[in-house]
Amino acid sequence: MSSNSGVSLRAPFAGRVLADFGAEVLKVDSPTSGDPMRDWGMAWVNGRVRWWSVQSRGKNLIKVDLKSRHGRELIEELVEVPT
């Protein structure tokens, strides 16, 4: 499983490419704010920006507080963390 918590252009694109090739990608967002890419662009379709629909395709989306111990433990359970 690949974890995708980046919000710039490179990380979401890389996660999308991995998903396109069959990887299980987990997109992690903050519980207080979503990915800023959700609002990029002017082409809205079905209440979403078309750009976001392209960048988020094939990903499992969750909101987790990575600043909390519980949030970090949850991610460690979901994603294999090398020791």
Protein backbone atom coordinates (compact mmCIF):
# COMPACT_ATOMS: atom_id res chain seq x y z
CA MET A 1 0.00 0.00 0.00
CA SER A 2 1.21 3.48 -0.80
CA SER A 3 0.34 6.43 1.42
CA ASN A 4 -0.25 9.80 -0.23
CA SER A 5 -0.43 12.76 2.14
CA GLY A 6 1.20 15.41 -0.05
CA VAL A 7 -0.78 18.38 -1.29
CA SER A 8 1.43 19.87 -3.99
CA LEU A 9 1.24 18.80 -7.60
CA ARG A 10 3.93 16.10 -7.49
CA ALA A 11 2.64 13.90 -4.66
CA PRO A 12 -0.98 13.65 -5.89
CA PHE A 13 0.24 12.96 -9.43
CA ALA A 14 2.62 10.23 -8.23
CA GLY A 15 -0.16 8.66 -6.16
CA ARG A 16 -2.49 8.72 -9.14
CA VAL A 17 0.10 7.04 -11.38
CA LEU A 18 0.69 4.33 -8.76
CA ALA A 19 -3.08 3.78 -8.54
CA ASP A 20 -3.31 3.65 -12.34
CA PHE A 21 -0.74 0.83 -12.28
CA GLY A 22 -2.73 -1.11 -9.68
CA ALA A 23 -1.24 0.00 -6.38
CA GLU A 24 -3.55 0.47 -3.41
CA VAL A 25 -3.14 4.17 -2.59
CA LEU A 26 -4.34 5.70 0.67
CA LYS A 27 -4.86 9.49 0.43
CA VAL A 28 -4.58 10.99 3.93
CA ASP A 29 -6.16 14.38 4.59
CA SER A 30 -6.26 16.51 7.71
CA PRO A 31 -9.60 16.27 9.56
CA THR A 32 -9.80 20.08 9.74
CA SER A 33 -9.08 20.88 6.11
CA GLY A 34 -9.13 18.95 2.88
CA ASP A 35 -6.58 18.93 0.13
CA PRO A 36 -6.40 22.41 -1.48
CA MET A 37 -6.44 20.72 -4.89
CA ARG A 38 -10.16 20.03 -4.33
CA ASP A 39 -10.82 23.66 -5.25
CA TRP A 40 -8.34 24.14 -8.12
CA GLY A 41 -9.74 25.09 -11.50
CA MET A 42 -12.97 26.39 -12.90
CA ALA A 43 -14.54 23.27 -14.44
CA TRP A 44 -17.07 21.99 -11.91
CA VAL A 45 -18.85 18.68 -12.61
CA ASN A 46 -21.38 17.18 -10.18
CA GLY A 47 -20.26 19.50 -7.38
CA ARG A 48 -16.56 18.74 -7.77
CA VAL A 49 -13.71 20.38 -9.60
CA ARG A 50 -12.86 18.23 -12.61
CA TRP A 51 -9.15 18.48 -11.70
CA TRP A 52 -9.80 16.84 -8.31
CA SER A 53 -11.73 13.98 -9.88
CA VAL A 54 -8.73 13.22 -12.08
CA GLN A 55 -6.13 13.50 -9.29
CA SER A 56 -8.08 11.46 -6.73
CA ARG A 57 -9.12 8.61 -8.99
CA GLY A 58 -8.19 5.17 -7.79
CA LYS A 59 -7.30 6.36 -4.27
CA ASN A 60 -8.88 5.51 -0.94
CA LEU A 61 -9.50 8.80 0.88
CA ILE A 62 -9.45 9.16 4.68
CA LYS A 63 -9.15 12.02 7.16
CA VAL A 64 -6.72 11.43 10.02
CA ASP A 65 -5.12 13.76 12.56
CA LEU A 66 -1.44 12.89 12.07
CA LYS A 67 -0.53 15.18 14.98
CA SER A 68 -2.25 12.85 17.42
CA ARG A 69 -0.79 9.58 18.67
CA HIS A 70 -4.01 7.74 17.77
CA GLY A 71 -3.85 9.09 14.20
CA ARG A 72 -0.25 8.01 13.73
CA GLU A 73 -0.98 4.56 15.18
CA LEU A 74 -3.93 4.19 12.80
CA ILE A 75 -1.75 4.96 9.78
CA GLU A 76 0.94 2.56 11.01
CA GLU A 77 -1.72 -0.17 11.16
CA LEU A 78 -2.90 0.59 7.63
CA VAL A 79 0.52 1.02 6.02
CA GLU A 80 3.46 -1.29 6.58
CA VAL A 81 6.11 0.82 8.31
CA PRO A 82 9.70 -0.52 8.09
CA THR A 83 11.46 -0.76 11.44
